[in-house]
Amino acid sequence: MLRTILIPALALSVLAGCSVDAFTYTINRYGEVKGVRVRLGCNDAYEVFDRKESNSLVVVTNGINEAVISSCSGVAAMPRAARMRRIAELYLDESAGRPECRVTGENPISEFHTEFNYRCQETRAPRKEVRRRS
């Protein structure tokens, strides 16, 4: 049973431009995390998998997405590394609702997978104003 799942998954990862090592790393590290779809523009779609407990996430694209983007202009036409970083920033700011988080590092895992580290500032509750009685 496991063999019937792993062989097609492995074949798909190779065809998608993802090395076996990158595929294994991504599955082992982010396999339990639910993906969130983030769009930059021009009918593109990226998947973001976030491991909040380790302040890291991976942004995933694919060959079809890259082909669609090749005909785009504006932000979507940026180089892949810049787009992947922008997706990570958009995810943290808008999709995850954590605008206090900033990307601190990146590690290209494969042509279509980039892992990002991030740091979040602690949000403090607003101080209550204390009025003194005169």
N, C-alpha and C. Protein backbone atom coordinates (compact mmCIF):
# COMPACT_ATOMS: atom_id res chain seq x y z
N MET A 1 0.83 -1.20 0.00
CA MET A 1 0.00 0.00 0.00
C MET A 1 0.87 1.26 0.00
N LEU A 2 1.82 1.30 0.93
CA LEU A 2 2.70 2.46 1.02
C LEU A 2 3.49 2.63 -0.28
N ARG A 3 3.89 1.53 -0.87
CA ARG A 3 4.66 1.56 -2.12
C ARG A 3 3.83 2.20 -3.24
N THR A 4 2.54 1.93 -3.28
CA THR A 4 1.68 2.47 -4.34
C THR A 4 1.47 3.98 -4.18
N ILE A 5 1.68 4.48 -2.98
CA ILE A 5 1.56 5.92 -2.75
C ILE A 5 2.90 6.61 -2.99
N LEU A 6 3.98 6.04 -2.50
CA LEU A 6 5.29 6.68 -2.59
C LEU A 6 5.83 6.76 -4.00
N ILE A 7 5.67 5.72 -4.80
CA ILE A 7 6.24 5.73 -6.15
C ILE A 7 5.62 6.82 -7.01
N PRO A 8 4.27 6.94 -7.08
CA PRO A 8 3.71 8.06 -7.86
C PRO A 8 4.08 9.43 -7.28
N ALA A 9 4.12 9.56 -5.96
CA ALA A 9 4.49 10.84 -5.34
C ALA A 9 5.92 11.21 -5.70
N LEU A 10 6.80 10.25 -5.68
CA LEU A 10 8.19 10.48 -6.03
C LEU A 10 8.30 10.87 -7.50
N ALA A 11 7.59 10.17 -8.36
CA ALA A 11 7.61 10.49 -9.79
C ALA A 11 7.08 11.90 -10.05
N LEU A 12 6.02 12.27 -9.38
CA LEU A 12 5.46 13.62 -9.54
C LEU A 12 6.43 14.68 -9.07
N SER A 13 7.12 14.42 -7.97
CA SER A 13 8.06 15.42 -7.46
C SER A 13 9.20 15.64 -8.44
N VAL A 14 9.68 14.59 -9.07
CA VAL A 14 10.75 14.73 -10.04
C VAL A 14 10.25 15.48 -11.27
N LEU A 15 9.06 15.14 -11.76
CA LEU A 15 8.50 15.82 -12.92
C LEU A 15 8.20 17.28 -12.63
N ALA A 16 7.89 17.60 -11.39
CA ALA A 16 7.56 18.98 -11.02
C ALA A 16 8.80 19.82 -10.79
N GLY A 17 9.99 19.25 -10.94
CA GLY A 17 11.21 20.03 -10.75
C GLY A 17 11.70 20.00 -9.32
N CYS A 18 11.24 19.08 -8.55
CA CYS A 18 11.60 18.99 -7.14
C CYS A 18 12.48 17.76 -6.97
N SER A 19 13.67 17.93 -6.43
CA SER A 19 14.54 16.79 -6.22
C SER A 19 13.95 15.88 -5.14
N VAL A 20 14.42 14.64 -5.12
CA VAL A 20 13.94 13.68 -4.12
C VAL A 20 14.26 14.18 -2.71
N ASP A 21 15.48 14.72 -2.52
CA ASP A 21 15.87 15.23 -1.21
C ASP A 21 14.98 16.39 -0.77
N ALA A 22 14.69 17.31 -1.70
CA ALA A 22 13.83 18.45 -1.37
C ALA A 22 12.42 17.98 -1.05
N PHE A 23 11.91 17.04 -1.84
CA PHE A 23 10.58 16.49 -1.61
C PHE A 23 10.51 15.84 -0.23
N THR A 24 11.51 15.01 0.10
CA THR A 24 11.54 14.32 1.39
C THR A 24 11.63 15.31 2.53
N TYR A 25 12.49 16.30 2.40
CA TYR A 25 12.64 17.32 3.45
C TYR A 25 11.32 18.05 3.67
N THR A 26 10.70 18.48 2.57
CA THR A 26 9.45 19.24 2.70
C THR A 26 8.35 18.40 3.33
N ILE A 27 8.22 17.16 2.92
CA ILE A 27 7.19 16.27 3.49
C ILE A 27 7.47 16.01 4.97
N ASN A 28 8.72 15.72 5.30
CA ASN A 28 9.06 15.44 6.70
C ASN A 28 8.84 16.65 7.59
N ARG A 29 9.18 17.82 7.11
CA ARG A 29 9.09 19.03 7.94
C ARG A 29 7.71 19.66 7.95
N TYR A 30 7.01 19.63 6.81
CA TYR A 30 5.75 20.36 6.68
C TYR A 30 4.55 19.47 6.33
N GLY A 31 4.74 18.17 6.30
CA GLY A 31 3.69 17.26 5.88
C GLY A 31 2.44 17.29 6.73
N GLU A 32 2.57 17.62 7.99
CA GLU A 32 1.42 17.66 8.90
C GLU A 32 0.71 19.01 8.92
N VAL A 33 1.28 19.98 8.22
CA VAL A 33 0.77 21.35 8.25
C VAL A 33 -0.19 21.57 7.09
N LYS A 34 -1.31 22.20 7.38
CA LYS A 34 -2.29 22.50 6.33
C LYS A 34 -1.79 23.69 5.51
N GLY A 35 -1.84 23.56 4.19
CA GLY A 35 -1.40 24.62 3.30
C GLY A 35 -2.43 25.71 3.15
N VAL A 36 -1.95 26.91 2.88
CA VAL A 36 -2.80 28.07 2.63
C VAL A 36 -2.44 28.61 1.25
N ARG A 37 -3.43 28.83 0.42
CA ARG A 37 -3.19 29.36 -0.92
C ARG A 37 -3.08 30.88 -0.85
N VAL A 38 -2.02 31.40 -1.47
CA VAL A 38 -1.78 32.85 -1.51
C VAL A 38 -1.58 33.24 -2.98
N ARG A 39 -2.22 34.31 -3.37
CA ARG A 39 -2.10 34.79 -4.75
C ARG A 39 -1.37 36.12 -4.77
N LEU A 40 -0.51 36.26 -5.76
CA LEU A 40 0.23 37.50 -5.93
C LEU A 40 -0.44 38.36 -6.99
N GLY A 41 -0.96 37.75 -8.01
CA GLY A 41 -1.64 38.44 -9.10
C GLY A 41 -1.47 37.65 -10.38
N CYS A 42 -2.22 37.99 -11.41
CA CYS A 42 -2.07 37.36 -12.72
C CYS A 42 -2.40 35.88 -12.68
N ASN A 43 -3.43 35.48 -11.96
CA ASN A 43 -3.91 34.09 -11.90
C ASN A 43 -2.90 33.08 -11.37
N ASP A 44 -1.95 33.53 -10.59
CA ASP A 44 -0.98 32.61 -10.00
C ASP A 44 -1.50 32.12 -8.66
N ALA A 45 -0.93 31.06 -8.17
CA ALA A 45 -1.31 30.53 -6.86
C ALA A 45 -0.11 29.83 -6.25
N TYR A 46 0.15 30.14 -5.02
CA TYR A 46 1.25 29.53 -4.27
C TYR A 46 0.65 28.87 -3.04
N GLU A 47 1.31 27.83 -2.56
CA GLU A 47 0.91 27.20 -1.31
C GLU A 47 1.94 27.56 -0.25
N VAL A 48 1.45 27.93 0.93
CA VAL A 48 2.33 28.26 2.05
C VAL A 48 2.00 27.30 3.19
N PHE A 49 3.04 26.69 3.73
CA PHE A 49 2.92 25.77 4.86
C PHE A 49 3.71 26.38 6.00
N ASP A 50 3.06 26.68 7.11
CA ASP A 50 3.64 27.44 8.21
C ASP A 50 3.79 26.57 9.46
N ARG A 51 4.99 26.50 9.99
CA ARG A 51 5.25 25.84 11.28
C ARG A 51 5.49 26.93 12.31
N LYS A 52 4.41 27.39 12.91
CA LYS A 52 4.48 28.51 13.85
C LYS A 52 5.42 28.24 15.01
N GLU A 53 5.44 26.98 15.47
CA GLU A 53 6.26 26.66 16.64
C GLU A 53 7.75 26.81 16.37
N SER A 54 8.15 26.76 15.09
CA SER A 54 9.57 26.93 14.78
C SER A 54 9.84 28.21 13.97
N ASN A 55 8.82 29.05 13.85
CA ASN A 55 8.93 30.31 13.10
C ASN A 55 9.54 30.08 11.71
N SER A 56 8.98 29.10 11.01
CA SER A 56 9.44 28.84 9.64
C SER A 56 8.24 28.47 8.77
N LEU A 57 8.38 28.75 7.49
CA LEU A 57 7.34 28.40 6.53
C LEU A 57 8.00 28.06 5.21
N VAL A 58 7.29 27.33 4.39
CA VAL A 58 7.78 27.03 3.05
C VAL A 58 6.75 27.53 2.04
N VAL A 59 7.26 28.18 1.00
CA VAL A 59 6.41 28.65 -0.11
C VAL A 59 6.67 27.70 -1.27
N VAL A 60 5.58 27.20 -1.86
CA VAL A 60 5.67 26.21 -2.93
C VAL A 60 4.99 26.75 -4.18
N THR A 61 5.67 26.63 -5.30
CA THR A 61 5.09 26.93 -6.61
C THR A 61 5.22 25.67 -7.45
N ASN A 62 4.86 25.74 -8.73
CA ASN A 62 4.98 24.58 -9.61
C ASN A 62 5.20 25.04 -11.04
N GLY A 63 5.46 24.10 -11.92
CA GLY A 63 5.75 24.43 -13.31
C GLY A 63 4.62 25.13 -14.03
N ILE A 64 3.39 24.74 -13.76
CA ILE A 64 2.23 25.38 -14.40
C ILE A 64 2.13 26.83 -13.95
N ASN A 65 2.28 27.05 -12.65
CA ASN A 65 2.24 28.41 -12.11
C ASN A 65 3.33 29.27 -12.75
N GLU A 66 4.52 28.72 -12.87
CA GLU A 66 5.63 29.47 -13.46
C GLU A 66 5.37 29.79 -14.93
N ALA A 67 4.73 28.89 -15.67
CA ALA A 67 4.39 29.14 -17.07
C ALA A 67 3.38 30.27 -17.18
N VAL A 68 2.38 30.29 -16.30
CA VAL A 68 1.38 31.35 -16.30
C VAL A 68 2.05 32.69 -16.00
N ILE A 69 2.94 32.71 -15.04
CA ILE A 69 3.60 33.95 -14.63
C ILE A 69 4.49 34.52 -15.72
N SER A 70 5.03 33.67 -16.58
CA SER A 70 5.94 34.14 -17.62
C SER A 70 5.27 35.15 -18.56
N SER A 71 3.94 35.17 -18.58
CA SER A 71 3.23 36.12 -19.43
C SER A 71 2.71 37.32 -18.64
N CYS A 72 3.10 37.46 -17.39
CA CYS A 72 2.59 38.53 -16.53
C CYS A 72 3.52 39.74 -16.52
N SER A 73 2.99 40.82 -15.98
CA SER A 73 3.79 42.02 -15.77
C SER A 73 3.59 42.47 -14.33
N GLY A 74 4.27 43.50 -13.94
CA GLY A 74 4.13 44.02 -12.58
C GLY A 74 4.80 43.13 -11.55
N VAL A 75 4.23 43.08 -10.36
CA VAL A 75 4.81 42.33 -9.25
C VAL A 75 4.96 40.85 -9.60
N ALA A 76 3.99 40.31 -10.30
CA ALA A 76 4.04 38.89 -10.64
C ALA A 76 5.19 38.56 -11.58
N ALA A 77 5.74 39.56 -12.28
CA ALA A 77 6.83 39.33 -13.21
C ALA A 77 8.21 39.45 -12.55
N MET A 78 8.25 39.64 -11.26
CA MET A 78 9.53 39.72 -10.55
C MET A 78 10.26 38.38 -10.67
N PRO A 79 11.56 38.36 -10.46
CA PRO A 79 12.28 37.08 -10.44
C PRO A 79 11.69 36.15 -9.37
N ARG A 80 11.81 34.84 -9.59
CA ARG A 80 11.18 33.85 -8.71
C ARG A 80 11.55 34.06 -7.24
N ALA A 81 12.81 34.29 -6.93
CA ALA A 81 13.23 34.45 -5.53
C ALA A 81 12.51 35.64 -4.88
N ALA A 82 12.38 36.74 -5.62
CA ALA A 82 11.68 37.92 -5.08
C ALA A 82 10.20 37.64 -4.90
N ARG A 83 9.59 36.90 -5.85
CA ARG A 83 8.17 36.55 -5.72
C ARG A 83 7.93 35.65 -4.52
N MET A 84 8.80 34.66 -4.33
CA MET A 84 8.63 33.73 -3.22
C MET A 84 8.71 34.49 -1.89
N ARG A 85 9.67 35.42 -1.78
CA ARG A 85 9.80 36.22 -0.56
C ARG A 85 8.56 37.09 -0.36
N ARG A 86 8.06 37.69 -1.44
CA ARG A 86 6.86 38.54 -1.35
C ARG A 86 5.66 37.72 -0.91
N ILE A 87 5.54 36.48 -1.39
CA ILE A 87 4.45 35.61 -0.97
C ILE A 87 4.56 35.33 0.53
N ALA A 88 5.77 35.06 1.02
CA ALA A 88 5.96 34.82 2.45
C ALA A 88 5.53 36.04 3.26
N GLU A 89 5.90 37.23 2.79
CA GLU A 89 5.52 38.46 3.49
C GLU A 89 4.01 38.68 3.46
N LEU A 90 3.39 38.46 2.29
CA LEU A 90 1.93 38.60 2.18
C LEU A 90 1.22 37.61 3.09
N TYR A 91 1.71 36.39 3.12
CA TYR A 91 1.11 35.37 3.97
C TYR A 91 1.13 35.83 5.43
N LEU A 92 2.29 36.23 5.92
CA LEU A 92 2.40 36.63 7.33
C LEU A 92 1.52 37.84 7.62
N ASP A 93 1.52 38.81 6.72
CA ASP A 93 0.79 40.05 6.94
C ASP A 93 -0.72 39.89 6.80
N GLU A 94 -1.17 39.21 5.76
CA GLU A 94 -2.59 39.17 5.46
C GLU A 94 -3.26 37.83 5.79
N SER A 95 -2.74 36.75 5.26
CA SER A 95 -3.39 35.45 5.44
C SER A 95 -3.30 34.96 6.88
N ALA A 96 -2.13 35.10 7.49
CA ALA A 96 -1.95 34.61 8.86
C ALA A 96 -2.34 35.68 9.89
N GLY A 97 -2.51 36.90 9.44
CA GLY A 97 -2.90 37.98 10.36
C GLY A 97 -1.83 38.29 11.39
N ARG A 98 -0.56 38.20 10.97
CA ARG A 98 0.55 38.49 11.89
C ARG A 98 1.47 39.55 11.28
N PRO A 99 0.97 40.79 11.14
CA PRO A 99 1.78 41.83 10.52
C PRO A 99 3.02 42.20 11.32
N GLU A 100 3.09 41.77 12.57
CA GLU A 100 4.27 42.07 13.39
C GLU A 100 5.43 41.12 13.10
N CYS A 101 5.22 40.14 12.23
CA CYS A 101 6.25 39.16 11.88
C CYS A 101 7.00 39.61 10.63
N ARG A 102 8.31 39.39 10.64
CA ARG A 102 9.16 39.76 9.51
C ARG A 102 10.05 38.59 9.11
N VAL A 103 10.23 38.42 7.81
CA VAL A 103 11.12 37.38 7.28
C VAL A 103 12.55 37.73 7.67
N THR A 104 13.27 36.76 8.22
CA THR A 104 14.65 36.99 8.66
C THR A 104 15.67 36.18 7.87
N GLY A 105 15.23 35.19 7.13
CA GLY A 105 16.16 34.39 6.35
C GLY A 105 15.41 33.51 5.36
N GLU A 106 16.14 33.04 4.37
CA GLU A 106 15.52 32.16 3.38
C GLU A 106 16.49 31.09 2.93
N ASN A 107 15.92 29.94 2.57
CA ASN A 107 16.70 28.81 2.13
C ASN A 107 16.00 28.16 0.94
N PRO A 108 16.52 28.37 -0.28
CA PRO A 108 15.91 27.69 -1.43
C PRO A 108 16.13 26.19 -1.32
N ILE A 109 15.05 25.44 -1.17
CA ILE A 109 15.14 23.99 -1.03
C ILE A 109 15.24 23.34 -2.40
N SER A 110 14.50 23.87 -3.35
CA SER A 110 14.54 23.39 -4.73
C SER A 110 14.10 24.55 -5.61
N GLU A 111 13.98 24.28 -6.89
CA GLU A 111 13.55 25.31 -7.82
C GLU A 111 12.16 25.86 -7.47
N PHE A 112 11.31 25.00 -6.91
CA PHE A 112 9.93 25.38 -6.63
C PHE A 112 9.57 25.45 -5.15
N HIS A 113 10.52 25.28 -4.26
CA HIS A 113 10.27 25.33 -2.81
C HIS A 113 11.30 26.23 -2.15
N THR A 114 10.84 27.20 -1.39
CA THR A 114 11.75 28.05 -0.61
C THR A 114 11.25 28.11 0.82
N GLU A 115 12.16 27.86 1.74
CA GLU A 115 11.82 27.92 3.17
C GLU A 115 12.26 29.27 3.71
N PHE A 116 11.42 29.85 4.55
CA PHE A 116 11.70 31.15 5.16
C PHE A 116 11.64 31.03 6.67
N ASN A 117 12.54 31.73 7.33
CA ASN A 117 12.48 31.89 8.78
C ASN A 117 11.93 33.28 9.05
N TYR A 118 11.24 33.42 10.15
CA TYR A 118 10.70 34.72 10.48
C TYR A 118 10.73 34.93 11.99
N ARG A 119 10.62 36.19 12.37
CA ARG A 119 10.60 36.56 13.78
C ARG A 119 9.42 37.48 13.99
N CYS A 120 8.72 37.28 15.09
CA CYS A 120 7.55 38.09 15.41
C CYS A 120 7.84 38.91 16.66
N GLN A 121 7.50 40.17 16.58
CA GLN A 121 7.61 41.02 17.77
C GLN A 121 6.44 40.69 18.68
N GLU A 122 6.72 40.70 19.96
CA GLU A 122 5.63 40.47 20.90
C GLU A 122 4.72 41.68 20.89
N THR A 123 3.43 41.40 20.84
CA THR A 123 2.47 42.49 20.89
C THR A 123 2.09 42.71 22.34
N ARG A 124 2.16 43.92 22.74
CA ARG A 124 1.82 44.26 24.12
C ARG A 124 0.43 44.86 24.16
N ALA A 125 -0.27 44.52 25.20
CA ALA A 125 -1.60 45.10 25.39
C ALA A 125 -1.43 46.58 25.71
N PRO A 126 -2.31 47.40 25.20
CA PRO A 126 -2.19 48.84 25.49
C PRO A 126 -2.33 49.09 26.98
N ARG A 127 -1.52 50.01 27.46
CA ARG A 127 -1.58 50.35 28.88
C ARG A 127 -2.85 51.12 29.18
N LYS A 128 -3.41 50.79 30.31
CA LYS A 128 -4.58 51.54 30.74
C LYS A 128 -4.09 52.80 31.43
N GLU A 129 -4.74 53.87 31.07
CA GLU A 129 -4.35 55.14 31.66
C GLU A 129 -4.93 55.21 33.08
N VAL A 130 -4.06 55.50 34.00
CA VAL A 130 -4.48 55.61 35.42
C VAL A 130 -4.59 57.08 35.75
N ARG A 131 -5.76 57.45 36.21
CA ARG A 131 -5.97 58.86 36.59
C ARG A 131 -5.86 58.96 38.10
N ARG A 132 -5.11 59.92 38.49
CA ARG A 132 -4.97 60.16 39.95
C ARG A 132 -5.99 61.17 40.38
N ARG A 133 -6.47 60.90 41.54
CA ARG A 133 -7.46 61.85 42.10
C ARG A 133 -6.69 62.99 42.80
N SER A 134 -7.18 64.14 42.56
CA SER A 134 -6.53 65.29 43.18
C SER A 134 -7.15 65.62 44.50
